[in-house]
N, C-alpha and C. Protein backbone atom coordinates (compact mmCIF):
# COMPACT_ATOMS: atom_id res chain seq x y z
N UNK A 1 -24.21 93.11 -2.10
CA UNK A 1 -25.58 93.34 -2.56
C UNK A 1 -26.46 93.34 -1.16
N UNK A 2 -27.41 94.39 -1.08
CA UNK A 2 -28.25 94.54 -0.04
C UNK A 2 -29.43 93.49 -0.15
N UNK A 3 -29.77 92.99 1.07
CA UNK A 3 -30.90 91.94 1.22
C UNK A 3 -32.09 92.67 1.64
N UNK A 4 -33.33 92.10 1.13
CA UNK A 4 -34.57 92.59 1.54
C UNK A 4 -34.72 92.50 3.04
N UNK A 5 -35.59 93.31 3.66
CA UNK A 5 -35.87 93.24 5.03
C UNK A 5 -37.33 92.77 5.36
N UNK A 6 -37.38 91.73 6.13
CA UNK A 6 -38.72 91.10 6.45
C UNK A 6 -39.31 92.15 7.45
N UNK A 7 -40.58 92.53 7.18
CA UNK A 7 -41.24 93.56 8.11
C UNK A 7 -42.59 93.02 8.55
N UNK A 8 -43.30 92.03 7.84
CA UNK A 8 -44.56 91.60 8.21
C UNK A 8 -44.61 90.12 7.98
N UNK A 9 -45.22 89.43 8.98
CA UNK A 9 -45.53 87.97 8.78
C UNK A 9 -46.94 87.78 9.14
N UNK A 10 -47.78 87.20 8.24
CA UNK A 10 -49.20 86.84 8.48
C UNK A 10 -49.28 85.33 8.42
N UNK A 11 -49.56 84.71 9.51
CA UNK A 11 -49.66 83.15 9.43
C UNK A 11 -51.09 82.76 9.60
N UNK A 12 -51.53 81.76 8.78
CA UNK A 12 -52.87 81.15 8.91
C UNK A 12 -52.88 79.85 9.55
N UNK A 13 -54.03 79.29 9.77
CA UNK A 13 -54.27 77.99 10.20
C UNK A 13 -53.67 77.58 11.51
N UNK A 14 -53.61 78.55 12.43
CA UNK A 14 -53.02 78.25 13.84
C UNK A 14 -51.53 78.26 13.88
N UNK A 15 -50.92 78.62 12.81
CA UNK A 15 -49.44 78.67 12.81
C UNK A 15 -48.97 80.01 13.48
N UNK A 16 -47.79 79.97 14.15
CA UNK A 16 -47.46 81.22 14.58
C UNK A 16 -46.31 81.82 13.64
N UNK A 17 -45.91 83.02 13.93
CA UNK A 17 -45.04 83.68 12.95
C UNK A 17 -43.66 82.90 12.80
N UNK A 18 -43.18 82.38 13.91
CA UNK A 18 -41.96 81.57 13.85
C UNK A 18 -42.16 80.37 12.91
N UNK A 19 -43.27 79.64 13.15
CA UNK A 19 -43.43 78.47 12.37
C UNK A 19 -43.56 78.74 10.81
N UNK A 20 -44.25 79.80 10.50
CA UNK A 20 -44.30 80.23 9.06
C UNK A 20 -43.06 80.58 8.52
N UNK A 21 -42.24 81.32 9.26
CA UNK A 21 -40.93 81.67 8.80
C UNK A 21 -40.04 80.52 8.56
N UNK A 22 -40.00 79.55 9.51
CA UNK A 22 -39.30 78.40 9.46
C UNK A 22 -39.67 77.59 8.08
N UNK A 23 -40.94 77.38 7.90
CA UNK A 23 -41.40 76.64 6.74
C UNK A 23 -40.92 77.47 5.41
N UNK A 24 -41.02 78.72 5.41
CA UNK A 24 -40.61 79.51 4.28
C UNK A 24 -39.16 79.42 3.93
N UNK A 25 -38.33 79.19 4.94
CA UNK A 25 -36.92 79.11 4.81
C UNK A 25 -36.37 77.64 4.69
N UNK A 26 -37.30 76.75 4.53
CA UNK A 26 -36.93 75.29 4.23
C UNK A 26 -36.96 74.40 5.37
N UNK A 27 -37.48 74.75 6.57
CA UNK A 27 -37.56 73.76 7.64
C UNK A 27 -38.99 73.09 7.53
N UNK A 28 -39.10 72.16 6.56
CA UNK A 28 -40.39 71.56 6.33
C UNK A 28 -40.27 70.12 5.98
N UNK A 29 -39.47 69.39 6.62
CA UNK A 29 -39.26 68.12 6.36
C UNK A 29 -40.56 67.25 6.21
N UNK A 30 -40.68 66.57 5.10
CA UNK A 30 -41.90 65.71 4.79
C UNK A 30 -43.03 66.56 4.24
N UNK A 31 -42.85 67.80 4.04
CA UNK A 31 -43.88 68.67 3.49
C UNK A 31 -43.42 69.34 2.17
N UNK A 32 -44.41 69.62 1.33
CA UNK A 32 -44.18 70.37 0.13
C UNK A 32 -44.45 71.78 0.28
N UNK A 33 -43.40 72.68 0.19
CA UNK A 33 -43.57 74.17 0.49
C UNK A 33 -43.39 74.88 -0.78
N UNK A 34 -44.25 75.82 -1.10
CA UNK A 34 -44.12 76.72 -2.24
C UNK A 34 -44.01 78.13 -1.64
N UNK A 35 -43.04 78.93 -2.10
CA UNK A 35 -42.89 80.29 -1.76
C UNK A 35 -42.83 81.12 -3.13
N UNK A 36 -43.70 82.10 -3.16
CA UNK A 36 -43.70 82.92 -4.42
C UNK A 36 -44.77 84.03 -4.38
N UNK A 37 -44.73 84.72 -5.55
CA UNK A 37 -45.68 85.90 -5.62
C UNK A 37 -47.08 85.42 -6.08
N UNK A 38 -47.94 86.38 -6.19
CA UNK A 38 -49.36 86.03 -6.59
C UNK A 38 -49.37 85.38 -7.97
N UNK A 39 -48.62 85.82 -8.87
CA UNK A 39 -48.52 85.24 -10.21
C UNK A 39 -48.19 83.66 -10.13
N UNK A 40 -47.23 83.47 -9.37
CA UNK A 40 -46.78 82.02 -9.20
C UNK A 40 -47.83 81.12 -8.62
N UNK A 41 -48.52 81.68 -7.55
CA UNK A 41 -49.58 81.06 -6.90
C UNK A 41 -50.68 80.74 -7.87
N UNK A 42 -51.11 81.74 -8.67
CA UNK A 42 -52.15 81.54 -9.62
C UNK A 42 -51.75 80.51 -10.61
N UNK A 43 -50.48 80.39 -11.07
CA UNK A 43 -50.05 79.43 -12.09
C UNK A 43 -50.28 77.98 -11.47
N UNK A 44 -49.98 77.84 -10.19
CA UNK A 44 -50.07 76.65 -9.45
C UNK A 44 -51.51 76.29 -8.91
N UNK A 45 -52.38 77.18 -9.23
CA UNK A 45 -53.78 76.88 -8.73
C UNK A 45 -53.93 77.12 -7.21
N UNK A 46 -53.06 77.84 -6.53
CA UNK A 46 -53.07 78.15 -5.19
C UNK A 46 -53.78 79.40 -4.88
N UNK A 47 -54.85 79.32 -3.99
CA UNK A 47 -55.56 80.49 -3.66
C UNK A 47 -54.95 81.41 -2.59
N UNK A 48 -54.98 82.69 -2.85
CA UNK A 48 -54.59 83.61 -1.81
C UNK A 48 -55.78 84.26 -1.02
N UNK A 49 -57.00 83.75 -1.47
CA UNK A 49 -58.23 84.40 -0.83
C UNK A 49 -58.27 84.27 0.73
N UNK A 50 -57.73 83.19 1.29
CA UNK A 50 -57.86 83.20 2.73
C UNK A 50 -57.15 84.26 3.49
N UNK A 51 -56.27 84.98 2.74
CA UNK A 51 -55.50 86.09 3.31
C UNK A 51 -56.23 87.52 3.30
N UNK A 52 -57.48 87.35 2.70
CA UNK A 52 -58.30 88.62 2.63
C UNK A 52 -57.51 89.78 2.08
N UNK A 53 -57.70 90.98 2.69
CA UNK A 53 -57.02 92.11 2.11
C UNK A 53 -55.62 92.41 2.61
N UNK A 54 -55.06 91.51 3.30
CA UNK A 54 -53.64 91.66 3.69
C UNK A 54 -52.69 92.02 2.63
N UNK A 55 -52.63 91.23 1.51
CA UNK A 55 -51.78 91.57 0.44
C UNK A 55 -51.91 92.90 -0.13
N UNK A 56 -53.09 93.41 -0.39
CA UNK A 56 -53.30 94.78 -0.90
C UNK A 56 -52.90 95.84 0.15
N UNK A 57 -53.19 95.55 1.34
CA UNK A 57 -52.82 96.55 2.42
C UNK A 57 -51.29 96.73 2.47
N UNK A 58 -50.66 95.57 2.47
CA UNK A 58 -49.23 95.59 2.57
C UNK A 58 -48.59 96.22 1.36
N UNK A 59 -49.01 95.93 0.20
CA UNK A 59 -48.53 96.44 -1.00
C UNK A 59 -48.72 97.96 -1.05
N UNK A 60 -49.76 98.47 -0.52
CA UNK A 60 -50.01 99.91 -0.36
C UNK A 60 -49.11 100.64 0.50
N UNK A 61 -48.52 99.88 1.43
CA UNK A 61 -47.39 100.38 2.34
C UNK A 61 -46.03 100.17 1.83
N UNK A 62 -45.94 99.76 0.56
CA UNK A 62 -44.70 99.69 -0.15
C UNK A 62 -43.87 98.40 0.11
N UNK A 63 -44.65 97.31 0.64
CA UNK A 63 -44.03 96.03 0.98
C UNK A 63 -44.25 95.13 -0.27
N UNK A 64 -43.30 94.26 -0.60
CA UNK A 64 -43.40 93.26 -1.61
C UNK A 64 -44.04 92.03 -0.84
N UNK A 65 -45.03 91.42 -1.29
CA UNK A 65 -45.70 90.28 -0.77
C UNK A 65 -45.17 88.99 -1.22
N UNK A 66 -44.82 88.01 -0.39
CA UNK A 66 -44.35 86.66 -0.76
C UNK A 66 -45.25 85.72 -0.03
N UNK A 67 -45.90 84.97 -0.77
CA UNK A 67 -46.83 83.97 -0.19
C UNK A 67 -46.13 82.61 0.09
N UNK A 68 -46.70 81.88 1.04
CA UNK A 68 -46.20 80.64 1.43
C UNK A 68 -47.35 79.64 1.51
N UNK A 69 -47.16 78.47 0.86
CA UNK A 69 -48.12 77.42 0.88
C UNK A 69 -47.52 76.15 1.39
N UNK A 70 -48.17 75.37 2.10
CA UNK A 70 -47.66 74.01 2.61
C UNK A 70 -48.69 73.01 2.17
N UNK A 71 -48.18 71.99 1.58
CA UNK A 71 -48.98 70.83 1.10
C UNK A 71 -50.17 71.25 0.31
N UNK A 72 -49.96 72.24 -0.59
CA UNK A 72 -51.13 72.76 -1.49
C UNK A 72 -52.10 73.72 -0.80
N UNK A 73 -51.76 74.17 0.43
CA UNK A 73 -52.73 75.11 1.18
C UNK A 73 -51.89 76.28 1.46
N UNK A 74 -52.55 77.52 1.23
CA UNK A 74 -51.86 78.79 1.58
C UNK A 74 -51.80 78.83 3.08
N UNK A 75 -50.45 79.03 3.58
CA UNK A 75 -50.22 79.07 4.95
C UNK A 75 -50.04 80.46 5.53
N UNK A 76 -49.76 81.42 4.60
CA UNK A 76 -49.51 82.88 5.13
C UNK A 76 -48.75 83.70 4.07
N UNK A 77 -48.24 84.72 4.58
CA UNK A 77 -47.48 85.57 3.65
C UNK A 77 -46.35 86.37 4.36
N UNK A 78 -45.46 86.76 3.76
CA UNK A 78 -44.38 87.63 4.29
C UNK A 78 -44.33 88.91 3.53
N UNK A 79 -44.21 89.98 4.25
CA UNK A 79 -44.08 91.33 3.57
C UNK A 79 -42.62 91.82 3.63
N UNK A 80 -42.04 92.15 2.60
CA UNK A 80 -40.57 92.58 2.67
C UNK A 80 -40.52 93.84 1.93
N UNK A 81 -39.45 94.66 2.41
CA UNK A 81 -39.11 95.89 1.78
C UNK A 81 -37.57 95.74 1.33
N UNK A 82 -37.26 96.36 0.22
CA UNK A 82 -35.90 96.39 -0.22
C UNK A 82 -35.12 97.21 0.63
N UNK A 83 -33.85 96.80 0.98
CA UNK A 83 -32.92 97.59 1.80
C UNK A 83 -32.82 98.93 1.29
N UNK A 84 -32.82 99.97 2.13
CA UNK A 84 -32.78 101.27 1.71
C UNK A 84 -34.12 102.06 1.48
N UNK A 85 -35.17 101.28 1.41
CA UNK A 85 -36.47 101.74 1.22
C UNK A 85 -37.11 102.09 2.47
N UNK A 86 -37.57 103.22 2.82
CA UNK A 86 -38.09 103.65 4.06
C UNK A 86 -39.51 102.91 4.23
N UNK A 87 -39.76 102.49 5.36
CA UNK A 87 -41.15 101.92 5.65
C UNK A 87 -42.24 102.96 5.71
N UNK A 88 -43.41 102.63 5.30
CA UNK A 88 -44.54 103.61 5.43
C UNK A 88 -44.81 103.79 6.92
N UNK A 89 -44.92 105.05 7.31
CA UNK A 89 -45.34 105.40 8.69
C UNK A 89 -46.49 104.62 9.15
N UNK A 90 -46.46 104.11 10.28
CA UNK A 90 -47.65 103.36 10.81
C UNK A 90 -47.74 101.91 10.42
N UNK A 91 -46.84 101.46 9.53
CA UNK A 91 -46.88 99.94 9.18
C UNK A 91 -46.57 99.10 10.26
N UNK A 92 -47.32 98.00 10.35
CA UNK A 92 -46.98 96.98 11.40
C UNK A 92 -45.68 96.39 11.08
N UNK A 93 -44.81 96.26 12.17
CA UNK A 93 -43.56 95.60 12.05
C UNK A 93 -43.72 94.41 12.93
N UNK A 94 -43.67 93.27 12.36
CA UNK A 94 -43.85 91.89 13.14
C UNK A 94 -42.67 90.91 12.85
N UNK A 95 -42.44 90.11 13.83
CA UNK A 95 -41.43 89.02 13.54
C UNK A 95 -40.00 89.43 13.18
N UNK A 96 -39.62 90.67 13.53
CA UNK A 96 -38.29 91.08 13.08
C UNK A 96 -37.20 90.32 13.77
N UNK A 97 -37.39 89.88 15.08
CA UNK A 97 -36.42 89.10 15.82
C UNK A 97 -36.24 87.74 15.11
N UNK A 98 -37.25 87.16 14.69
CA UNK A 98 -37.27 85.79 13.97
C UNK A 98 -36.53 86.00 12.58
N UNK A 99 -36.66 87.17 12.05
CA UNK A 99 -36.33 87.46 10.78
C UNK A 99 -34.81 87.94 10.49
N UNK A 100 -34.21 88.19 11.64
CA UNK A 100 -32.83 88.74 11.53
C UNK A 100 -31.96 87.77 10.76
N UNK A 101 -31.35 88.29 9.72
CA UNK A 101 -30.43 87.37 8.82
C UNK A 101 -31.25 86.86 7.66
N UNK A 102 -32.54 87.17 7.63
CA UNK A 102 -33.30 86.77 6.46
C UNK A 102 -32.57 87.11 5.15
N UNK A 103 -32.39 86.08 4.27
CA UNK A 103 -31.74 86.34 3.07
C UNK A 103 -32.51 85.78 1.89
N UNK A 104 -33.92 85.97 1.95
CA UNK A 104 -34.69 85.43 0.85
C UNK A 104 -34.38 85.95 -0.48
N UNK A 105 -34.55 85.18 -1.48
CA UNK A 105 -34.50 85.55 -2.81
C UNK A 105 -35.71 86.41 -3.26
N UNK A 106 -35.50 87.18 -4.30
CA UNK A 106 -36.60 87.88 -4.82
C UNK A 106 -37.66 86.93 -5.40
N UNK A 107 -38.94 87.22 -5.03
CA UNK A 107 -39.95 86.32 -5.53
C UNK A 107 -40.33 86.63 -6.90
């Protein structure tokens, strides 16, 4: 089975891309981490407003957006494309070195 490819990382609150990716993949000892789509965040009362227009812009580029929250606060998002789907020309590609081997589940 082909795995999604991580193409964008948007980190908030002074975190860098590597820190957000580590949190999203489970390196969050002592913290509560939620990873999910906008519907899941709404169900949990987590706001995605701090991310501004990022989610919409990435979705327009064909990316699936996965949100990350730490201790009840939105920490950032990950933009992924399914393997075999070409990226939109001009899309920002960030954090790909940190993301090699990313095997996240569908959100």
